Amino acid sequence: MPQNQIPELLTLKEACELLRVHANTLRNWEKEGKLQTIRIGTRRDRRFTKASLEQFFQTSNQAIAA
C-alpha cells in the first residue's frame, strides 16, 4: 500500500479536540456503533481515522439541519 493511502490516525485525545467533545462521549459513540475505531497494540488503544470523524461530523450536521 502506498504511503499516501494510509489513513491519518488520531488518538482519543486528538479526536476529542477535533470534535470538541469529552472522551467518554467518543467511547459511548463507539459502543453505540456511531463511530468506528481501530484498536492497536496490546493495550488495545483506540485510534480514529480522520476521514471517519469528518464523515460522522457531516452526517450529524445534516441530521440536525433536517
Protein backbone atom coordinates (compact mmCIF):
# COMPACT_ATOMS: atom_id res chain seq x y z
CA MET A 1 0.00 0.00 0.00
CA PRO A 2 1.49 3.37 -0.96
CA GLN A 3 2.20 5.66 1.96
CA ASN A 4 -0.18 8.37 0.75
CA GLN A 5 -3.12 5.93 1.04
CA ILE A 6 -2.56 5.16 4.71
CA PRO A 7 -5.31 6.93 6.68
CA GLU A 8 -4.27 9.50 9.24
CA LEU A 9 -4.93 8.02 12.67
CA LEU A 10 -5.85 10.19 15.62
CA THR A 11 -5.61 9.36 19.30
CA LEU A 12 -8.62 9.62 21.56
CA LYS A 13 -7.39 12.98 22.83
CA GLU A 14 -6.85 14.33 19.31
CA ALA A 15 -10.30 13.17 18.22
CA CYS A 16 -11.85 14.82 21.29
CA GLU A 17 -10.16 18.10 20.44
CA LEU A 18 -11.24 17.87 16.81
CA LEU A 19 -14.92 17.25 17.64
CA ARG A 20 -14.87 19.28 20.88
CA VAL A 21 -16.41 16.53 22.97
CA HIS A 22 -15.39 14.63 26.10
CA ALA A 23 -13.50 11.33 25.78
CA ASN A 24 -16.43 9.44 27.33
CA THR A 25 -18.68 10.76 24.59
CA LEU A 26 -16.44 9.24 21.92
CA ARG A 27 -16.26 5.98 23.85
CA ASN A 28 -20.06 5.87 24.04
CA TRP A 29 -20.45 6.65 20.34
CA GLU A 30 -18.11 3.77 19.58
CA LYS A 31 -20.13 1.40 21.81
CA GLU A 32 -23.35 2.54 20.09
CA GLY A 33 -21.83 1.90 16.67
CA LYS A 34 -21.93 5.54 15.61
CA LEU A 35 -18.14 5.72 15.19
CA GLN A 36 -15.68 3.12 14.02
CA THR A 37 -12.32 2.79 15.69
CA ILE A 38 -9.15 0.88 15.07
CA ARG A 39 -7.61 -0.86 18.08
CA ILE A 40 -3.84 -1.08 18.20
CA GLY A 41 -1.21 -2.54 20.48
CA THR A 42 -1.53 -4.87 23.44
CA ARG A 43 -3.49 -2.25 25.38
CA ARG A 44 -6.00 -2.09 22.51
CA ASP A 45 -5.81 1.71 22.37
CA ARG A 46 -8.41 3.41 20.21
CA ARG A 47 -7.43 5.21 17.04
CA PHE A 48 -9.81 7.14 14.84
CA THR A 49 -9.32 7.78 11.16
CA LYS A 50 -9.63 11.44 10.31
CA ALA A 51 -11.90 10.54 7.40
CA SER A 52 -14.37 8.65 9.62
CA LEU A 53 -14.54 11.56 12.06
CA GLU A 54 -15.16 14.04 9.26
CA GLN A 55 -17.88 11.79 7.83
CA PHE A 56 -19.51 11.44 11.26
CA PHE A 57 -19.39 15.21 11.76
CA GLN A 58 -21.01 15.87 8.37
CA THR A 59 -23.74 13.25 8.92
CA SER A 60 -24.51 14.66 12.34
CA ASN A 61 -24.81 18.19 10.97
CA GLN A 62 -27.14 17.02 8.20
CA ALA A 63 -29.37 15.28 10.76
CA ILE A 64 -29.56 18.46 12.83
CA ALA A 65 -30.39 20.60 9.80
CA ALA A 66 -33.21 18.28 8.68
